[in-house]
PDB file of N, CA and C in Angstrom:
ATOM      1  N   MET A   1     157.981  -7.397  98.247  1.00  0.00           N
ATOM      2  CA  MET A   1     158.008  -6.018  98.667  1.00  0.00           C
ATOM      3  C   MET A   1     159.457  -5.632  98.976  1.00  0.00           C
ATOM      4  N   ASN A   2     159.924  -4.522  98.430  1.00  0.00           N
ATOM      5  CA  ASN A   2     161.286  -4.055  98.657  1.00  0.00           C
ATOM      6  C   ASN A   2     161.308  -3.021  99.774  1.00  0.00           C
ATOM      7  N   PHE A   3     162.209  -3.219 100.683  1.00  0.00           N
ATOM      8  CA  PHE A   3     162.391  -2.246 101.766  1.00  0.00           C
ATOM      9  C   PHE A   3     163.725  -1.545 101.564  1.00  0.00           C
ATOM     10  N   ALA A   4     163.698  -0.260 101.749  1.00  0.00           N
ATOM     11  CA  ALA A   4     164.941   0.515 101.639  1.00  0.00           C
ATOM     12  C   ALA A   4     165.800   0.227 102.859  1.00  0.00           C
ATOM     13  N   PRO A   5     167.102   0.190 102.684  1.00  0.00           N
ATOM     14  CA  PRO A   5     167.971  -0.025 103.850  1.00  0.00           C
ATOM     15  C   PRO A   5     167.852   1.156 104.804  1.00  0.00           C
ATOM     16  N   PRO A   6     168.120   0.915 106.070  1.00  0.00           N
ATOM     17  CA  PRO A   6     168.038   2.027 107.018  1.00  0.00           C
ATOM     18  C   PRO A   6     169.078   3.089 106.675  1.00  0.00           C
ATOM     19  N   PRO A   7     168.772   4.344 106.975  1.00  0.00           N
ATOM     20  CA  PRO A   7     169.749   5.400 106.681  1.00  0.00           C
ATOM     21  C   PRO A   7     170.999   5.199 107.516  1.00  0.00           C
ATOM     22  N   PRO A   8     172.138   5.634 106.996  1.00  0.00           N
ATOM     23  CA  PRO A   8     173.376   5.495 107.772  1.00  0.00           C
ATOM     24  C   PRO A   8     173.282   6.303 109.064  1.00  0.00           C
ATOM     25  N   THR A   9     173.935   5.798 110.073  1.00  0.00           N
ATOM     26  CA  THR A   9     173.951   6.488 111.360  1.00  0.00           C
ATOM     27  C   THR A   9     175.176   7.377 111.411  1.00  0.00           C
ATOM     28  N   TYR A  10     174.961   8.647 111.688  1.00  0.00           N
ATOM     29  CA  TYR A  10     176.056   9.594 111.787  1.00  0.00           C
ATOM     30  C   TYR A  10     176.276   9.921 113.249  1.00  0.00           C
ATOM     31  N   GLY A  11     177.507  10.153 113.619  1.00  0.00           N
ATOM     32  CA  GLY A  11     177.815  10.494 114.999  1.00  0.00           C
ATOM     33  C   GLY A  11     177.956   9.255 115.847  1.00  0.00           C
ATOM     34  N   ARG A  12     177.938   9.460 117.131  1.00  0.00           N
ATOM     35  CA  ARG A  12     178.109   8.369 118.079  1.00  0.00           C
ATOM     36  C   ARG A  12     176.924   8.330 119.020  1.00  0.00           C
ATOM     37  N   VAL A  13     176.678   7.165 119.562  1.00  0.00           N
ATOM     38  CA  VAL A  13     175.649   7.031 120.579  1.00  0.00           C
ATOM     39  C   VAL A  13     176.239   7.549 121.878  1.00  0.00           C
ATOM     40  N   LEU A  14     175.534   8.478 122.527  1.00  0.00           N
ATOM     41  CA  LEU A  14     176.027   9.050 123.770  1.00  0.00           C
ATOM     42  C   LEU A  14     175.285   8.460 124.954  1.00  0.00           C
ATOM     43  N   ARG A  15     176.008   8.225 126.024  1.00  0.00           N
ATOM     44  CA  ARG A  15     175.376   7.784 127.255  1.00  0.00           C
ATOM     45  C   ARG A  15     175.375   8.955 128.218  1.00  0.00           C
ATOM     46  N   LEU A  16     174.741   8.803 129.351  1.00  0.00           N
ATOM     47  CA  LEU A  16     174.680   9.857 130.350  1.00  0.00           C
ATOM     48  C   LEU A  16     176.078  10.364 130.637  1.00  0.00           C
ATOM     49  N   GLY A  17     176.252  11.662 130.664  1.00  0.00           N
ATOM     50  CA  GLY A  17     177.577  12.238 130.847  1.00  0.00           C
ATOM     51  C   GLY A  17     178.180  12.650 129.525  1.00  0.00           C
ATOM     52  N   GLY A  18     177.665  12.116 128.415  1.00  0.00           N
ATOM     53  CA  GLY A  18     178.053  12.567 127.105  1.00  0.00           C
ATOM     54  C   GLY A  18     179.183  11.829 126.427  1.00  0.00           C
ATOM     55  N   VAL A  19     179.919  10.990 127.128  1.00  0.00           N
ATOM     56  CA  VAL A  19     181.020  10.276 126.489  1.00  0.00           C
ATOM     57  C   VAL A  19     180.418   9.211 125.578  1.00  0.00           C
ATOM     58  N   PRO A  20     180.926   9.082 124.355  1.00  0.00           N
ATOM     59  CA  PRO A  20     180.380   8.069 123.451  1.00  0.00           C
ATOM     60  C   PRO A  20     180.363   6.686 124.096  1.00  0.00           C
ATOM     61  N   GLU A  21     179.300   5.948 123.821  1.00  0.00           N
ATOM     62  CA  GLU A  21     179.121   4.620 124.395  1.00  0.00           C
ATOM     63  C   GLU A  21     180.327   3.731 124.091  1.00  0.00           C
ATOM     64  N   GLY A  22     180.796   3.040 125.112  1.00  0.00           N
ATOM     65  CA  GLY A  22     181.928   2.143 124.948  1.00  0.00           C
ATOM     66  C   GLY A  22     183.279   2.828 125.014  1.00  0.00           C
ATOM     67  N   GLU A  23     183.304   4.122 125.299  1.00  0.00           N
ATOM     68  CA  GLU A  23     184.557   4.866 125.351  1.00  0.00           C
ATOM     69  C   GLU A  23     184.692   5.513 126.722  1.00  0.00           C
ATOM     70  N   SER A  24     185.842   5.347 127.333  1.00  0.00           N
ATOM     71  CA  SER A  24     186.075   5.990 128.625  1.00  0.00           C
ATOM     72  C   SER A  24     186.321   7.480 128.417  1.00  0.00           C
ATOM     73  N   LEU A  25     186.179   8.239 129.483  1.00  0.00           N
ATOM     74  CA  LEU A  25     186.444   9.672 129.411  1.00  0.00           C
ATOM     75  C   LEU A  25     187.888   9.921 128.979  1.00  0.00           C
ATOM     76  N   GLU A  26     188.800   9.139 129.513  1.00  0.00           N
ATOM     77  CA  GLU A  26     190.220   9.286 129.167  1.00  0.00           C
ATOM     78  C   GLU A  26     190.452   9.023 127.678  1.00  0.00           C
ATOM     79  N   ALA A  27     189.800   7.984 127.160  1.00  0.00           N
ATOM     80  CA  ALA A  27     189.952   7.654 125.741  1.00  0.00           C
ATOM     81  C   ALA A  27     189.342   8.737 124.862  1.00  0.00           C
ATOM     82  N   CYS A  28     188.239   9.317 125.296  1.00  0.00           N
ATOM     83  CA  CYS A  28     187.597  10.404 124.554  1.00  0.00           C
ATOM     84  C   CYS A  28     188.533  11.607 124.467  1.00  0.00           C
ATOM     85  N   VAL A  29     189.114  11.992 125.598  1.00  0.00           N
ATOM     86  CA  VAL A  29     190.038  13.128 125.613  1.00  0.00           C
ATOM     87  C   VAL A  29     191.257  12.829 124.740  1.00  0.00           C
ATOM     88  N   GLU A  30     191.806  11.619 124.871  1.00  0.00           N
ATOM     89  CA  GLU A  30     192.978  11.262 124.076  1.00  0.00           C
ATOM     90  C   GLU A  30     192.656  11.281 122.578  1.00  0.00           C
ATOM     91  N   ARG A  31     191.509  10.756 122.193  1.00  0.00           N
ATOM     92  CA  ARG A  31     191.113  10.744 120.787  1.00  0.00           C
ATOM     93  C   ARG A  31     191.059  12.167 120.224  1.00  0.00           C
ATOM     94  N   LEU A  32     190.447  13.068 120.982  1.00  0.00           N
ATOM     95  CA  LEU A  32     190.342  14.453 120.522  1.00  0.00           C
ATOM     96  C   LEU A  32     191.712  15.128 120.472  1.00  0.00           C
ATOM     97  N   VAL A  33     192.527  14.909 121.494  1.00  0.00           N
ATOM     98  CA  VAL A  33     193.871  15.501 121.511  1.00  0.00           C
ATOM     99  C   VAL A  33     194.668  15.029 120.298  1.00  0.00           C
ATOM    100  N   LEU A  34     194.578  13.737 119.988  1.00  0.00           N
ATOM    101  CA  LEU A  34     195.333  13.207 118.850  1.00  0.00           C
ATOM    102  C   LEU A  34     194.839  13.766 117.517  1.00  0.00           C
ATOM    103  N   GLU A  35     193.566  14.129 117.437  1.00  0.00           N
ATOM    104  CA  GLU A  35     193.048  14.741 116.213  1.00  0.00           C
ATOM    105  C   GLU A  35     193.670  16.115 115.967  1.00  0.00           C
ATOM    106  N   TYR A  36     194.007  16.821 117.040  1.00  0.00           N
ATOM    107  CA  TYR A  36     194.526  18.187 116.915  1.00  0.00           C
ATOM    108  C   TYR A  36     196.047  18.273 117.023  1.00  0.00           C
ATOM    109  N   ALA A  37     196.683  17.244 117.538  1.00  0.00           N
ATOM    110  CA  ALA A  37     198.131  17.275 117.753  1.00  0.00           C
ATOM    111  C   ALA A  37     198.884  17.289 116.423  1.00  0.00           C
ATOM    112  N   GLN A  38     199.878  18.170 116.336  1.00  0.00           N
ATOM    113  CA  GLN A  38     200.742  18.224 115.159  1.00  0.00           C
ATOM    114  C   GLN A  38     201.968  17.344 115.351  1.00  0.00           C
ATOM    115  N   SER A  39     202.279  17.046 116.596  1.00  0.00           N
ATOM    116  CA  SER A  39     203.403  16.182 116.945  1.00  0.00           C
ATOM    117  C   SER A  39     202.842  15.092 117.854  1.00  0.00           C
ATOM    118  N   VAL A  40     202.897  13.852 117.396  1.00  0.00           N
ATOM    119  CA  VAL A  40     202.259  12.764 118.131  1.00  0.00           C
ATOM    120  C   VAL A  40     203.303  11.786 118.654  1.00  0.00           C
ATOM    121  N   PRO A  41     203.415  11.673 119.985  1.00  0.00           N
ATOM    122  CA  PRO A  41     204.357  10.707 120.551  1.00  0.00           C
ATOM    123  C   PRO A  41     203.832   9.283 120.341  1.00  0.00           C
ATOM    124  N   PRO A  42     204.731   8.303 120.250  1.00  0.00           N
ATOM    125  CA  PRO A  42     204.298   6.936 119.962  1.00  0.00           C
ATOM    126  C   PRO A  42     203.597   6.222 121.127  1.00  0.00           C
ATOM    127  N   GLN A  43     203.884   6.619 122.341  1.00  0.00           N
ATOM    128  CA  GLN A  43     203.333   5.873 123.481  1.00  0.00           C
ATOM    129  C   GLN A  43     201.875   6.198 123.743  1.00  0.00           C
ATOM    130  N   ARG A  44     201.127   5.157 124.139  1.00  0.00           N
ATOM    131  CA  ARG A  44     199.725   5.285 124.515  1.00  0.00           C
ATOM    132  C   ARG A  44     199.528   4.573 125.838  1.00  0.00           C
ATOM    133  N   PRO A  45     198.691   5.046 126.695  1.00  0.00           N
ATOM    134  CA  PRO A  45     197.966   6.297 126.587  1.00  0.00           C
ATOM    135  C   PRO A  45     198.914   7.489 126.713  1.00  0.00           C
ATOM    136  N   LEU A  46     198.427   8.645 126.267  1.00  0.00           N
ATOM    137  CA  LEU A  46     199.224   9.865 126.387  1.00  0.00           C
ATOM    138  C   LEU A  46     199.469  10.159 127.858  1.00  0.00           C
ATOM    139  N   GLN A  47     200.665  10.589 128.171  1.00  0.00           N
ATOM    140  CA  GLN A  47     201.007  10.932 129.552  1.00  0.00           C
ATOM    141  C   GLN A  47     200.328  12.245 129.946  1.00  0.00           C
ATOM    142  N   ALA A  48     199.830  12.299 131.176  1.00  0.00           N
ATOM    143  CA  ALA A  48     199.110  13.478 131.672  1.00  0.00           C
ATOM    144  C   ALA A  48     199.981  14.731 131.659  1.00  0.00           C
ATOM    145  N   GLY A  49     201.286  14.578 131.798  1.00  0.00           N
ATOM    146  CA  GLY A  49     202.184  15.724 131.863  1.00  0.00           C
ATOM    147  C   GLY A  49     202.590  16.299 130.513  1.00  0.00           C
ATOM    148  N   LEU A  50     202.154  15.692 129.426  1.00  0.00           N
ATOM    149  CA  LEU A  50     202.518  16.214 128.106  1.00  0.00           C
ATOM    150  C   LEU A  50     201.929  17.601 127.898  1.00  0.00           C
ATOM    151  N   SER A  51     202.757  18.518 127.442  1.00  0.00           N
ATOM    152  CA  SER A  51     202.304  19.876 127.155  1.00  0.00           C
ATOM    153  C   SER A  51     201.503  19.882 125.857  1.00  0.00           C
ATOM    154  N   LEU A  52     200.313  20.470 125.923  1.00  0.00           N
ATOM    155  CA  LEU A  52     199.477  20.562 124.726  1.00  0.00           C
ATOM    156  C   LEU A  52     200.164  21.400 123.654  1.00  0.00           C
ATOM    157  N   ARG A  53     200.821  22.457 124.056  1.00  0.00           N
ATOM    158  CA  ARG A  53     201.462  23.366 123.096  1.00  0.00           C
ATOM    159  C   ARG A  53     202.865  22.902 122.699  1.00  0.00           C
ATOM    160  N   ASN A  54     203.694  22.581 123.686  1.00  0.00           N
ATOM    161  CA  ASN A  54     205.098  22.271 123.390  1.00  0.00           C
ATOM    162  C   ASN A  54     205.316  20.839 122.910  1.00  0.00           C
ATOM    163  N   ASP A  55     204.747  19.860 123.602  1.00  0.00           N
ATOM    164  CA  ASP A  55     204.977  18.461 123.231  1.00  0.00           C
ATOM    165  C   ASP A  55     204.103  18.005 122.070  1.00  0.00           C
ATOM    166  N   LEU A  56     202.850  18.472 122.049  1.00  0.00           N
ATOM    167  CA  LEU A  56     201.902  18.013 121.030  1.00  0.00           C
ATOM    168  C   LEU A  56     201.686  19.030 119.913  1.00  0.00           C
ATOM    169  N   ALA A  57     202.275  20.210 120.062  1.00  0.00           N
ATOM    170  CA  ALA A  57     202.217  21.275 119.050  1.00  0.00           C
ATOM    171  C   ALA A  57     200.784  21.644 118.659  1.00  0.00           C
ATOM    172  N   ILE A  58     199.919  21.769 119.669  1.00  0.00           N
ATOM    173  CA  ILE A  58     198.554  22.225 119.425  1.00  0.00           C
ATOM    174  C   ILE A  58     198.559  23.743 119.562  1.00  0.00           C
ATOM    175  N   GLU A  59     198.218  24.424 118.483  1.00  0.00           N
ATOM    176  CA  GLU A  59     198.226  25.892 118.479  1.00  0.00           C
ATOM    177  C   GLU A  59     197.026  26.436 119.249  1.00  0.00           C
ATOM    178  N   SER A  60     197.078  27.703 119.590  1.00  0.00           N
ATOM    179  CA  SER A  60     196.044  28.339 120.409  1.00  0.00           C
ATOM    180  C   SER A  60     194.635  28.188 119.842  1.00  0.00           C
ATOM    181  N   LEU A  61     194.463  28.482 118.558  1.00  0.00           N
ATOM    182  CA  LEU A  61     193.130  28.363 117.960  1.00  0.00           C
ATOM    183  C   LEU A  61     192.669  26.915 117.909  1.00  0.00           C
ATOM    184  N   SER A  62     193.600  26.016 117.702  1.00  0.00           N
ATOM    185  CA  SER A  62     193.254  24.596 117.704  1.00  0.00           C
ATOM    186  C   SER A  62     192.848  24.142 119.105  1.00  0.00           C
ATOM    187  N   LEU A  63     193.482  24.710 120.127  1.00  0.00           N
ATOM    188  CA  LEU A  63     193.120  24.372 121.502  1.00  0.00           C
ATOM    189  C   LEU A  63     191.701  24.845 121.809  1.00  0.00           C
ATOM    190  N   VAL A  64     191.336  26.002 121.298  1.00  0.00           N
ATOM    191  CA  VAL A  64     189.966  26.499 121.467  1.00  0.00           C
ATOM    192  C   VAL A  64     188.999  25.517 120.808  1.00  0.00           C
ATOM    193  N   SER A  65     189.300  25.133 119.569  1.00  0.00           N
ATOM    194  CA  SER A  65     188.446  24.201 118.846  1.00  0.00           C
ATOM    195  C   SER A  65     188.364  22.849 119.561  1.00  0.00           C
ATOM    196  N   LEU A  66     189.493  22.347 120.025  1.00  0.00           N
ATOM    197  CA  LEU A  66     189.538  21.084 120.757  1.00  0.00           C
ATOM    198  C   LEU A  66     188.658  21.145 122.005  1.00  0.00           C
ATOM    199  N   THR A  67     188.758  22.224 122.744  1.00  0.00           N
ATOM    200  CA  THR A  67     187.986  22.372 123.974  1.00  0.00           C
ATOM    201  C   THR A  67     186.493  22.475 123.675  1.00  0.00           C
ATOM    202  N   LEU A  68     186.128  23.192 122.636  1.00  0.00           N
ATOM    203  CA  LEU A  68     184.722  23.282 122.234  1.00  0.00           C
ATOM    204  C   LEU A  68     184.186  21.923 121.797  1.00  0.00           C
ATOM    205  N   ARG A  69     184.991  21.173 121.066  1.00  0.00           N
ATOM    206  CA  ARG A  69     184.586  19.816 120.657  1.00  0.00           C
ATOM    207  C   ARG A  69     184.398  18.916 121.853  1.00  0.00           C
ATOM    208  N   LEU A  70     185.306  19.030 122.826  1.00  0.00           N
ATOM    209  CA  LEU A  70     185.184  18.229 124.044  1.00  0.00           C
ATOM    210  C   LEU A  70     183.873  18.557 124.742  1.00  0.00           C
ATOM    211  N   GLY A  71     183.580  19.839 124.859  1.00  0.00           N
ATOM    212  CA  GLY A  71     182.313  20.248 125.464  1.00  0.00           C
ATOM    213  C   GLY A  71     181.128  19.690 124.703  1.00  0.00           C
ATOM    214  N   GLY A  72     181.202  19.717 123.388  1.00  0.00           N
ATOM    215  CA  GLY A  72     180.128  19.169 122.566  1.00  0.00           C
ATOM    216  C   GLY A  72     179.935  17.682 122.793  1.00  0.00           C
ATOM    217  N   GLU A  73     181.033  16.954 122.903  1.00  0.00           N
ATOM    218  CA  GLU A  73     180.936  15.512 123.134  1.00  0.00           C
ATOM    219  C   GLU A  73     180.392  15.208 124.523  1.00  0.00           C
ATOM    220  N   LEU A  74     180.655  16.110 125.461  1.00  0.00           N
ATOM    221  CA  LEU A  74     180.172  15.910 126.831  1.00  0.00           C
ATOM    222  C   LEU A  74     178.782  16.512 127.038  1.00  0.00           C
ATOM    223  N   GLY A  75     178.288  17.207 126.018  1.00  0.00           N
ATOM    224  CA  GLY A  75     176.971  17.826 126.129  1.00  0.00           C
ATOM    225  C   GLY A  75     176.965  19.046 127.029  1.00  0.00           C
ATOM    226  N   VAL A  76     178.088  19.771 127.051  1.00  0.00           N
ATOM    227  CA  VAL A  76     178.247  20.920 127.936  1.00  0.00           C
ATOM    228  C   VAL A  76     178.706  22.123 127.121  1.00  0.00           C
ATOM    229  N   ASP A  77     178.175  23.293 127.445  1.00  0.00           N
ATOM    230  CA  ASP A  77     178.614  24.531 126.808  1.00  0.00           C
ATOM    231  C   ASP A  77     179.844  25.029 127.567  1.00  0.00           C
ATOM    232  N   ILE A  78     181.004  24.893 126.960  1.00  0.00           N
ATOM    233  CA  ILE A  78     182.278  25.260 127.586  1.00  0.00           C
ATOM    234  C   ILE A  78     182.298  26.738 127.962  1.00  0.00           C
ATOM    235  N   VAL A  79     181.774  27.582 127.093  1.00  0.00           N
ATOM    236  CA  VAL A  79     181.772  29.021 127.344  1.00  0.00           C
ATOM    237  C   VAL A  79     180.897  29.326 128.555  1.00  0.00           C
ATOM    238  N   GLU A  80     179.719  28.732 128.583  1.00  0.00           N
ATOM    239  CA  GLU A  80     178.791  28.946 129.692  1.00  0.00           C
ATOM    240  C   GLU A  80     179.380  28.468 131.022  1.00  0.00           C
ATOM    241  N   GLN A  81     180.186  27.419 130.966  1.00  0.00           N
ATOM    242  CA  GLN A  81     180.796  26.866 132.179  1.00  0.00           C
ATOM    243  C   GLN A  81     182.005  27.679 132.643  1.00  0.00           C
ATOM    244  N   GLY A  82     182.464  28.590 131.821  1.00  0.00           N
ATOM    245  CA  GLY A  82     183.566  29.460 132.205  1.00  0.00           C
ATOM    246  C   GLY A  82     184.930  28.794 132.230  1.00  0.00           C
ATOM    247  N   VAL A  83     185.142  27.831 131.356  1.00  0.00           N
ATOM    248  CA  VAL A  83     186.443  27.157 131.293  1.00  0.00           C
ATOM    249  C   VAL A  83     187.490  28.164 130.833  1.00  0.00           C
ATOM    250  N   GLU A  84     188.558  28.270 131.599  1.00  0.00           N
ATOM    251  CA  GLU A  84     189.641  29.203 131.273  1.00  0.00           C
ATOM    252  C   GLU A  84     190.704  28.479 130.448  1.00  0.00           C
ATOM    253  N   LEU A  85     190.730  28.782 129.174  1.00  0.00           N
ATOM    254  CA  LEU A  85     191.660  28.104 128.276  1.00  0.00           C
ATOM    255  C   LEU A  85     193.115  28.380 128.626  1.00  0.00           C
ATOM    256  N   GLY A  86     193.381  29.530 129.199  1.00  0.00           N
ATOM    257  CA  GLY A  86     194.750  29.874 129.570  1.00  0.00           C
ATOM    258  C   GLY A  86     195.338  28.948 130.619  1.00  0.00           C
ATOM    259  N   LYS A  87     194.476  28.253 131.350  1.00  0.00           N
ATOM    260  CA  LYS A  87     194.940  27.332 132.393  1.00  0.00           C
ATOM    261  C   LYS A  87     195.142  25.908 131.874  1.00  0.00           C
ATOM    262  N   LEU A  88     194.808  25.691 130.616  1.00  0.00           N
ATOM    263  CA  LEU A  88     194.980  24.360 130.028  1.00  0.00           C
ATOM    264  C   LEU A  88     196.361  24.271 129.391  1.00  0.00           C
ATOM    265  N   SER A  89     197.274  23.594 130.054  1.00  0.00           N
ATOM    266  CA  SER A  89     198.609  23.491 129.473  1.00  0.00           C
ATOM    267  C   SER A  89     199.038  22.046 129.223  1.00  0.00           C
ATOM    268  N   THR A  90     198.403  21.078 129.899  1.00  0.00           N
ATOM    269  CA  THR A  90     198.798  19.677 129.724  1.00  0.00           C
ATOM    270  C   THR A  90     197.587  18.806 129.404  1.00  0.00           C
ATOM    271  N   VAL A  91     197.868  17.594 128.973  1.00  0.00           N
ATOM    272  CA  VAL A  91     196.809  16.612 128.738  1.00  0.00           C
ATOM    273  C   VAL A  91     196.041  16.386 130.038  1.00  0.00           C
ATOM    274  N   GLY A  92     196.750  16.343 131.157  1.00  0.00           N
ATOM    275  CA  GLY A  92     196.118  16.157 132.458  1.00  0.00           C
ATOM    276  C   GLY A  92     195.157  17.290 132.806  1.00  0.00           C
ATOM    277  N   ASP A  93     195.533  18.525 132.466  1.00  0.00           N
ATOM    278  CA  ASP A  93     194.640  19.670 132.705  1.00  0.00           C
ATOM    279  C   ASP A  93     193.336  19.505 131.925  1.00  0.00           C
ATOM    280  N   LEU A  94     193.451  19.085 130.679  1.00  0.00           N
ATOM    281  CA  LEU A  94     192.272  18.895 129.844  1.00  0.00           C
ATOM    282  C   LEU A  94     191.402  17.763 130.389  1.00  0.00           C
ATOM    283  N   LEU A  95     192.042  16.703 130.859  1.00  0.00           N
ATOM    284  CA  LEU A  95     191.314  15.587 131.448  1.00  0.00           C
ATOM    285  C   LEU A  95     190.607  16.007 132.733  1.00  0.00           C
ATOM    286  N   ASP A  96     191.265  16.824 133.543  1.00  0.00           N
ATOM    287  CA  ASP A  96     190.634  17.337 134.766  1.00  0.00           C
ATOM    288  C   ASP A  96     189.392  18.157 134.449  1.00  0.00           C
ATOM    289  N   VAL A  97     189.478  19.001 133.422  1.00  0.00           N
ATOM    290  CA  VAL A  97     188.323  19.801 133.000  1.00  0.00           C
ATOM    291  C   VAL A  97     187.199  18.873 132.544  1.00  0.00           C
ATOM    292  N   ALA A  98     187.543  17.847 131.768  1.00  0.00           N
ATOM    293  CA  ALA A  98     186.534  16.899 131.280  1.00  0.00           C
ATOM    294  C   ALA A  98     185.849  16.192 132.450  1.00  0.00           C
ATOM    295  N   ARG A  99     186.632  15.789 133.448  1.00  0.00           N
ATOM    296  CA  ARG A  99     186.047  15.124 134.627  1.00  0.00           C
ATOM    297  C   ARG A  99     185.103  16.061 135.365  1.00  0.00           C
ATOM    298  N   THR A 100     185.527  17.296 135.564  1.00  0.00           N
ATOM    299  CA  THR A 100     184.703  18.284 136.266  1.00  0.00           C
ATOM    300  C   THR A 100     183.406  18.530 135.516  1.00  0.00           C
ATOM    301  N   LEU A 101     183.484  18.710 134.209  1.00  0.00           N
ATOM    302  CA  LEU A 101     182.292  18.964 133.408  1.00  0.00           C
ATOM    303  C   LEU A 101     181.348  17.765 133.426  1.00  0.00           C
ATOM    304  N   THR A 102     181.913  16.559 133.382  1.00  0.00           N
ATOM    305  CA  THR A 102     181.094  15.349 133.425  1.00  0.00           C
ATOM    306  C   THR A 102     180.368  15.240 134.762  1.00  0.00           C
ATOM    307  N   GLU A 103     181.069  15.542 135.849  1.00  0.00           N
ATOM    308  CA  GLU A 103     180.448  15.506 137.179  1.00  0.00           C
ATOM    309  C   GLU A 103     179.331  16.537 137.283  1.00  0.00           C
ATOM    310  N   GLN A 104     179.553  17.742 136.754  1.00  0.00           N
ATOM    311  CA  GLN A 104     178.539  18.791 136.795  1.00  0.00           C
ATOM    312  C   GLN A 104     177.313  18.382 135.982  1.00  0.00           C
ATOM    313  N   THR A 105     177.533  17.756 134.844  1.00  0.00           N
ATOM    314  CA  THR A 105     176.435  17.303 133.997  1.00  0.00           C
ATOM    315  C   THR A 105     175.623  16.223 134.709  1.00  0.00           C
ATOM    316  N   ALA A 106     176.316  15.298 135.359  1.00  0.00           N
ATOM    317  CA  ALA A 106     175.632  14.210 136.061  1.00  0.00           C
ATOM    318  C   ALA A 106     174.801  14.742 137.220  1.00  0.00           C
ATOM    319  N   ARG A 107     175.273  15.781 137.896  1.00  0.00           N
ATOM    320  CA  ARG A 107     174.533  16.368 139.024  1.00  0.00           C
ATOM    321  C   ARG A 107     173.245  17.045 138.564  1.00  0.00           C
ATOM    322  N   ARG A 108     173.267  17.599 137.346  1.00  0.00           N
ATOM    323  CA  ARG A 108     172.085  18.292 136.828  1.00  0.00           C
ATOM    324  C   ARG A 108     170.963  17.336 136.431  1.00  0.00           C
ATOM    325  N   VAL A 109     171.310  16.097 136.172  1.00  0.00           N
ATOM    326  CA  VAL A 109     170.299  15.133 135.701  1.00  0.00           C
ATOM    327  C   VAL A 109     169.548  14.532 136.844  1.00  0.00           C
TER     328      VAL A 109
END
């Protein structure tokens, strides 16, 4: 009897809080930032003080997309949560938002 192989798995396994299994919140934010950065510094982890716009050359529309993706990975509607994109200027700011959203998600469960 021939069995078909299981279908490929798309996406990542998410644990409570929404961060992909085996990945820290910091690593999740860094991974997303690096996907959108036009200028990538060699050092890892990314320093919290790096400017998203000036140091990493992330344009405004890309920052919107990055923030929406972060919300999606965390299982949170960024728009519904009222995240103010104008206040996101550094990697640390984005990480702070991610921490806040993760805490809010955990409280709801």
